[in-house]
């Protein structure tokens, strides 16, 4: 037996004597302790930043709400709730204060009187500008003692933390659909639309009918369905269907992102995929049908340049009135 073999046996025997379970548990507890330590430190930093904003009587949350209202076209309270994950009652109190302070106005939607769009007044824009400058100045003071290399390291570290802690939501595989995906698309539409909007099985049957028809006449040169996967499991879908009478026209259909994937950027990835496909195929015009209760989807469509062009009452899919809406985009 060689010396190297004896050494290997000695090392292997020593390793097996270690309490690996205890070691891994200890290492995991150390990691948890360090994360908690960083969390406390970062909370204190946020407190410092927030204090500067508080000197002007507005909190960071309120400043963020003003920022979102200013940058969001056709902003509604529901959009703010979805984007900021904020309590409805808390948001309502903040908006009432903004209205009292003459920072915002509410404008009724011309096509749906039940919707109120939030807009900043000139006073609101001035307050937002002042808060932004205060925040910038506070951060500048916070990092002023760092040289350029240290600032670059700080930014890279921040990016690494964001990437590490949101990694599971950032990695998606987008692929063309398979026959086995048809059942997933149908059942997921039934489930989500029932649970979130109270849609009946009539809606699910509607999806099934036209999805099967799409598959039967599928032309891969002009149309497609894309499935988003994470860890080999479907988590979203979008489709482009060709218009059979107008070669310049395409329909966006069956756009869906599973609830646990929302706010991950997947909706944007799917819309980019579909719209870029249309551009590659020389479509000039894309339209879609949605419902007024799909607030988040409507917000995304508006951000991509779609315009609401038609609206009609629908009492077929639910036991309450919803408005079916057509949205159009020229590319």
Protein backbone atom coordinates (compact mmCIF):
# COMPACT_ATOMS: atom_id res chain seq x y z
CA UNK A 1 0.00 0.00 0.00
CA UNK A 2 1.50 3.35 -1.05
CA UNK A 3 1.97 6.39 1.15
CA UNK A 4 -0.57 8.30 -0.92
CA UNK A 5 -3.14 5.53 -0.40
CA UNK A 6 -2.46 5.55 3.35
CA UNK A 7 -2.88 9.33 3.38
CA UNK A 8 -6.19 9.05 1.50
CA UNK A 9 -7.49 6.47 3.99
CA UNK A 10 -6.42 8.67 6.91
CA UNK A 11 -8.21 11.70 5.46
CA UNK A 12 -11.32 9.71 4.55
CA UNK A 13 -11.48 8.15 8.04
CA UNK A 14 -11.06 11.55 9.68
CA UNK A 15 -13.79 13.08 7.52
CA UNK A 16 -16.22 10.29 8.43
CA UNK A 17 -15.62 10.97 12.12
CA UNK A 18 -16.83 14.56 11.71
CA UNK A 19 -20.37 15.46 12.70
CA UNK A 20 -21.35 16.74 9.26
CA UNK A 21 -24.95 17.28 10.28
CA UNK A 22 -23.86 19.39 13.21
CA UNK A 23 -21.31 21.23 11.06
CA UNK A 24 -23.88 22.08 8.38
CA UNK A 25 -26.41 23.11 11.01
CA UNK A 26 -23.83 25.37 12.66
CA UNK A 27 -22.88 26.92 9.30
CA UNK A 28 -26.56 27.51 8.45
CA UNK A 29 -27.14 29.17 11.82
CA UNK A 30 -24.13 31.40 11.19
CA UNK A 31 -25.59 32.41 7.82
CA UNK A 32 -28.97 33.16 9.38
CA UNK A 33 -27.27 35.19 12.13
CA UNK A 34 -25.31 37.22 9.57
CA UNK A 35 -28.45 37.89 7.49
CA UNK A 36 -30.30 39.05 10.60
CA UNK A 37 -27.34 41.26 11.52
CA UNK A 38 -27.33 42.83 8.05
CA UNK A 39 -31.11 43.27 8.22
CA UNK A 40 -30.80 45.23 11.48
CA UNK A 41 -28.01 47.36 10.03
CA UNK A 42 -29.96 48.05 6.82
CA UNK A 43 -33.11 48.87 8.80
CA UNK A 44 -31.10 51.50 10.68
CA UNK A 45 -29.84 52.91 7.38
CA UNK A 46 -33.41 53.13 6.11
CA UNK A 47 -34.31 54.89 9.35
CA UNK A 48 -31.65 57.52 8.64
CA UNK A 49 -32.91 58.01 5.10
CA UNK A 50 -36.50 58.08 6.26
CA UNK A 51 -35.77 60.68 8.91
CA UNK A 52 -34.64 63.17 6.28
CA UNK A 53 -37.88 62.63 4.40
CA UNK A 54 -39.85 62.86 7.64
CA UNK A 55 -38.41 66.35 8.21
CA UNK A 56 -40.66 67.41 5.35
CA UNK A 57 -43.63 65.56 6.97
CA UNK A 58 -43.67 62.77 4.34
CA UNK A 59 -42.41 59.21 4.81
CA UNK A 60 -40.45 57.08 2.34
CA UNK A 61 -43.62 55.09 1.63
CA UNK A 62 -45.51 58.26 0.81
CA UNK A 63 -42.67 59.48 -1.39
CA UNK A 64 -42.69 56.15 -3.23
CA UNK A 65 -46.45 56.41 -3.80
CA UNK A 66 -46.03 59.91 -5.24
CA UNK A 67 -43.25 58.59 -7.48
CA UNK A 68 -45.40 55.70 -8.77
CA UNK A 69 -48.39 57.97 -9.43
CA UNK A 70 -46.18 60.35 -11.38
CA UNK A 71 -44.59 57.69 -13.60
CA UNK A 72 -47.62 55.42 -14.10
CA UNK A 73 -50.01 56.15 -16.92
CA UNK A 74 -53.66 55.75 -15.87
CA UNK A 75 -52.63 54.98 -12.29
CA UNK A 76 -55.29 53.57 -9.97
CA UNK A 77 -55.33 52.60 -6.31
CA UNK A 78 -55.42 48.92 -7.27
CA UNK A 79 -52.30 49.31 -9.40
CA UNK A 80 -50.50 50.88 -6.42
CA UNK A 81 -51.63 48.02 -4.18
CA UNK A 82 -50.28 45.46 -6.66
CA UNK A 83 -46.98 47.24 -7.33
CA UNK A 84 -46.13 48.27 -3.76
CA UNK A 85 -47.77 45.38 -1.89
CA UNK A 86 -49.43 47.87 0.41
CA UNK A 87 -52.51 47.47 2.61
CA UNK A 88 -55.66 48.83 1.00
CA UNK A 89 -56.80 50.74 4.10
CA UNK A 90 -53.34 52.24 4.67
CA UNK A 91 -53.14 53.37 1.05
CA UNK A 92 -56.61 54.88 1.25
CA UNK A 93 -55.58 57.02 4.23
CA UNK A 94 -52.45 58.19 2.43
CA UNK A 95 -54.39 59.10 -0.72
CA UNK A 96 -56.95 61.00 1.32
CA UNK A 97 -54.13 62.96 2.92
CA UNK A 98 -52.59 63.66 -0.50
CA UNK A 99 -55.94 64.92 -1.74
CA UNK A 100 -56.35 67.11 1.34
CA UNK A 101 -52.83 68.50 0.81
CA UNK A 102 -53.72 69.13 -2.86
CA UNK A 103 -50.95 66.80 -4.08
CA UNK A 104 -53.20 64.63 -6.23
CA UNK A 105 -56.46 64.78 -8.14
CA UNK A 106 -58.77 61.97 -9.16
CA UNK A 107 -60.12 61.85 -12.71
CA UNK A 108 -62.89 59.49 -13.77
CA UNK A 109 -62.12 57.16 -16.67
CA UNK A 110 -64.09 58.28 -19.73
CA UNK A 111 -64.91 54.68 -20.72
CA UNK A 112 -65.59 53.32 -17.21
CA UNK A 113 -67.11 55.63 -14.61
CA UNK A 114 -66.15 53.22 -11.82
CA UNK A 115 -62.44 53.83 -12.35
CA UNK A 116 -60.58 56.85 -10.95
CA UNK A 117 -57.15 57.72 -12.30
CA UNK A 118 -54.70 59.34 -9.90
CA UNK A 119 -52.61 62.27 -11.11
CA UNK A 120 -50.20 64.65 -9.41
CA UNK A 121 -51.05 68.31 -9.24
CA UNK A 122 -48.33 70.90 -9.86
CA UNK A 123 -47.99 71.13 -6.08
CA UNK A 124 -47.62 67.35 -5.93
CA UNK A 125 -44.91 67.40 -8.60
CA UNK A 126 -43.04 70.11 -6.70
CA UNK A 127 -43.23 68.12 -3.45
CA UNK A 128 -42.01 64.97 -5.23
CA UNK A 129 -39.10 66.88 -6.75
CA UNK A 130 -38.17 68.26 -3.33
CA UNK A 131 -38.38 64.80 -1.70
CA UNK A 132 -36.23 63.28 -4.45
CA UNK A 133 -33.56 65.92 -3.97
CA UNK A 134 -33.59 65.39 -0.20
CA UNK A 135 -33.24 61.65 -0.67
CA UNK A 136 -30.40 62.07 -3.19
CA UNK A 137 -28.58 64.45 -0.85
CA UNK A 138 -28.95 62.08 2.11
CA UNK A 139 -27.55 59.13 0.12
CA UNK A 140 -24.73 61.33 -1.15
CA UNK A 141 -23.78 62.18 2.44
CA UNK A 142 -24.02 58.51 3.38
CA UNK A 143 -21.43 57.40 0.82
CA UNK A 144 -19.36 60.59 0.66
CA UNK A 145 -16.48 59.09 2.68
CA UNK A 146 -15.97 56.29 0.11
CA UNK A 147 -13.52 56.55 -2.76
CA UNK A 148 -14.55 55.58 -6.31
CA UNK A 149 -13.38 51.95 -5.98
CA UNK A 150 -15.26 51.56 -2.71
CA UNK A 151 -18.41 53.02 -4.25
CA UNK A 152 -18.12 50.59 -7.16
CA UNK A 153 -17.65 47.69 -4.73
CA UNK A 154 -20.68 48.86 -2.75
CA UNK A 155 -22.89 48.98 -5.83
CA UNK A 156 -21.66 45.58 -7.03
CA UNK A 157 -22.34 44.12 -3.58
CA UNK A 158 -25.86 45.53 -3.61
CA UNK A 159 -26.48 44.04 -7.03
CA UNK A 160 -25.15 40.70 -5.81
CA UNK A 161 -27.49 40.71 -2.81
CA UNK A 162 -30.49 41.53 -5.00
CA UNK A 163 -29.53 38.79 -7.47
CA UNK A 164 -28.89 36.20 -4.74
CA UNK A 165 -32.10 36.80 -2.83
CA UNK A 166 -34.33 37.02 -5.91
CA UNK A 167 -32.50 34.43 -8.01
CA UNK A 168 -35.30 31.89 -7.92
CA UNK A 169 -37.65 34.37 -9.56
CA UNK A 170 -35.25 35.59 -12.21
CA UNK A 171 -34.46 32.38 -14.09
CA UNK A 172 -37.10 31.48 -16.64
CA UNK A 173 -37.08 29.29 -19.70
CA UNK A 174 -39.37 30.50 -22.47
CA UNK A 175 -40.26 27.80 -25.00
CA UNK A 176 -42.80 27.04 -27.70
CA UNK A 177 -45.82 25.13 -26.44
CA UNK A 178 -46.34 21.39 -26.69
CA UNK A 179 -49.59 19.43 -26.97
CA UNK A 180 -49.28 18.53 -23.29
CA UNK A 181 -49.39 22.26 -22.40
CA UNK A 182 -52.95 22.70 -23.68
CA UNK A 183 -54.48 21.16 -20.57
CA UNK A 184 -52.27 23.34 -18.34
CA UNK A 185 -53.39 26.53 -20.13
CA UNK A 186 -57.08 25.62 -19.91
CA UNK A 187 -57.05 24.49 -16.29
CA UNK A 188 -54.89 27.38 -15.10
CA UNK A 189 -57.29 29.88 -16.73
CA UNK A 190 -60.24 28.12 -15.06
CA UNK A 191 -58.52 28.15 -11.67
CA UNK A 192 -57.14 31.69 -11.58
CA UNK A 193 -60.11 33.44 -13.15
CA UNK A 194 -62.48 31.63 -10.78
CA UNK A 195 -60.42 32.28 -7.63
CA UNK A 196 -59.45 35.88 -8.39
CA UNK A 197 -62.39 37.27 -10.39
CA UNK A 198 -65.30 34.90 -9.79
CA UNK A 199 -65.49 33.69 -13.40
CA UNK A 200 -67.64 30.62 -14.04
CA UNK A 201 -66.87 27.44 -15.98
CA UNK A 202 -68.44 29.10 -19.03
CA UNK A 203 -65.28 31.18 -19.31
CA UNK A 204 -63.12 28.07 -19.02
CA UNK A 205 -65.13 26.41 -21.78
CA UNK A 206 -64.62 29.52 -23.93
CA UNK A 207 -60.84 29.30 -23.45
CA UNK A 208 -60.90 25.58 -24.21
CA UNK A 209 -62.90 26.00 -27.42
CA UNK A 210 -60.65 28.61 -29.00
CA UNK A 211 -57.41 27.09 -27.72
CA UNK A 212 -58.24 23.75 -29.33
CA UNK A 213 -59.21 25.56 -32.53
CA UNK A 214 -55.88 27.43 -32.45
CA UNK A 215 -53.96 24.17 -32.04
CA UNK A 216 -55.87 22.49 -34.87
CA UNK A 217 -55.07 25.29 -37.33
CA UNK A 218 -51.67 26.26 -35.88
CA UNK A 219 -49.28 27.92 -38.34
CA UNK A 220 -45.81 28.14 -36.77
CA UNK A 221 -44.71 30.70 -39.36
CA UNK A 222 -47.29 33.25 -38.26
CA UNK A 223 -48.33 32.45 -34.69
CA UNK A 224 -47.21 30.76 -31.51
CA UNK A 225 -47.87 30.01 -27.86
CA UNK A 226 -45.00 30.45 -25.43
CA UNK A 227 -44.72 28.69 -22.09
CA UNK A 228 -42.58 30.16 -19.30
CA UNK A 229 -40.94 27.55 -17.12
CA UNK A 230 -39.11 27.71 -13.81
CA UNK A 231 -37.39 24.57 -12.57
CA UNK A 232 -39.07 22.70 -15.46
CA UNK A 233 -42.56 23.68 -14.28
CA UNK A 234 -44.87 26.00 -16.27
CA UNK A 235 -45.47 29.34 -14.54
CA UNK A 236 -46.88 31.52 -17.34
CA UNK A 237 -48.16 31.65 -20.89
CA UNK A 238 -48.79 34.06 -23.77
CA UNK A 239 -49.85 33.60 -27.39
CA UNK A 240 -50.00 35.38 -30.71
CA UNK A 241 -52.71 34.26 -33.12
CA UNK A 242 -52.76 35.30 -36.77
CA UNK A 243 -55.81 37.03 -38.16
CA UNK A 244 -57.05 34.90 -41.06
CA UNK A 245 -58.33 37.86 -43.09
CA UNK A 246 -55.69 40.56 -42.51
CA UNK A 247 -51.99 39.60 -42.82
CA UNK A 248 -50.93 42.75 -40.96
CA UNK A 249 -53.08 41.97 -37.91
CA UNK A 250 -52.33 39.67 -34.95
CA UNK A 251 -54.17 38.90 -31.72
CA UNK A 252 -52.48 38.58 -28.34
CA UNK A 253 -54.17 35.84 -26.31
CA UNK A 254 -54.08 33.73 -23.12
CA UNK A 255 -51.64 35.96 -21.26
CA UNK A 256 -51.27 34.55 -17.75
CA UNK A 257 -48.65 34.67 -14.98
CA UNK A 258 -49.04 32.46 -11.92
CA UNK A 259 -49.57 34.39 -8.66
CA UNK A 260 -46.25 33.42 -7.05
CA UNK A 261 -44.38 34.71 -10.12
CA UNK A 262 -45.94 38.17 -10.14
CA UNK A 263 -43.64 41.13 -9.53
CA UNK A 264 -40.77 38.99 -10.85
CA UNK A 265 -40.59 40.62 -14.30
CA UNK A 266 -42.08 37.57 -16.01
CA UNK A 267 -45.05 39.53 -17.38
CA UNK A 268 -42.66 41.90 -19.14
CA UNK A 269 -40.59 38.98 -20.48
CA UNK A 270 -43.68 37.33 -21.97
CA UNK A 271 -45.00 40.55 -23.50
CA UNK A 272 -41.58 41.33 -24.96
CA UNK A 273 -41.44 37.84 -26.45
CA UNK A 274 -44.85 38.18 -28.10
CA UNK A 275 -44.38 41.73 -29.39
CA UNK A 276 -40.89 41.02 -30.75
CA UNK A 277 -42.30 37.98 -32.56
CA UNK A 278 -44.91 40.24 -34.19
CA UNK A 279 -42.23 42.68 -35.28
CA UNK A 280 -40.14 39.84 -36.75
CA UNK A 281 -43.18 38.62 -38.69
CA UNK A 282 -43.92 42.14 -39.98
CA UNK A 283 -47.25 42.52 -38.23
CA UNK A 284 -48.28 46.16 -38.05
CA UNK A 285 -51.17 45.93 -35.64
CA UNK A 286 -51.79 43.85 -32.48
CA UNK A 287 -55.09 43.70 -30.61
CA UNK A 288 -56.30 41.85 -27.52
CA UNK A 289 -59.45 41.36 -25.49
CA UNK A 290 -59.40 41.60 -21.72
CA UNK A 291 -61.74 42.59 -18.87
CA UNK A 292 -61.84 45.68 -16.70
CA UNK A 293 -61.24 43.62 -13.55
CA UNK A 294 -57.77 42.56 -14.73
CA UNK A 295 -56.10 45.67 -13.32
CA UNK A 296 -52.48 44.50 -13.41
CA UNK A 297 -52.72 43.21 -16.98
CA UNK A 298 -54.37 46.45 -18.14
CA UNK A 299 -51.58 48.43 -16.48
CA UNK A 300 -48.97 46.40 -18.40
CA UNK A 301 -50.82 46.82 -21.70
CA UNK A 302 -50.94 50.58 -21.18
CA UNK A 303 -47.22 50.69 -20.42
CA UNK A 304 -46.51 48.90 -23.71
CA UNK A 305 -48.53 51.43 -25.70
CA UNK A 306 -51.81 49.56 -26.12
CA UNK A 307 -54.85 51.83 -26.21
CA UNK A 308 -58.37 50.99 -25.02
CA UNK A 309 -60.52 51.17 -28.15
CA UNK A 310 -63.74 49.32 -27.37
CA UNK A 311 -65.77 48.27 -24.35
CA UNK A 312 -68.90 46.17 -23.88
CA UNK A 313 -70.89 44.69 -21.00
CA UNK A 314 -70.53 40.97 -20.29
CA UNK A 315 -72.77 39.03 -17.90
CA UNK A 316 -71.97 35.60 -19.32
CA UNK A 317 -68.77 34.72 -17.48
CA UNK A 318 -69.66 35.91 -13.96
CA UNK A 319 -72.72 36.52 -11.80
CA UNK A 320 -71.88 40.23 -11.87
CA UNK A 321 -71.28 42.71 -14.65
CA UNK A 322 -67.81 42.97 -16.13
CA UNK A 323 -66.72 44.97 -19.11
CA UNK A 324 -64.94 43.26 -21.95
CA UNK A 325 -62.35 45.57 -23.45
CA UNK A 326 -60.44 45.68 -26.69
CA UNK A 327 -56.95 47.18 -26.64
CA UNK A 328 -54.92 47.97 -29.80
CA UNK A 329 -51.25 48.60 -30.51
CA UNK A 330 -49.73 49.75 -33.81
CA UNK A 331 -46.06 48.78 -34.23
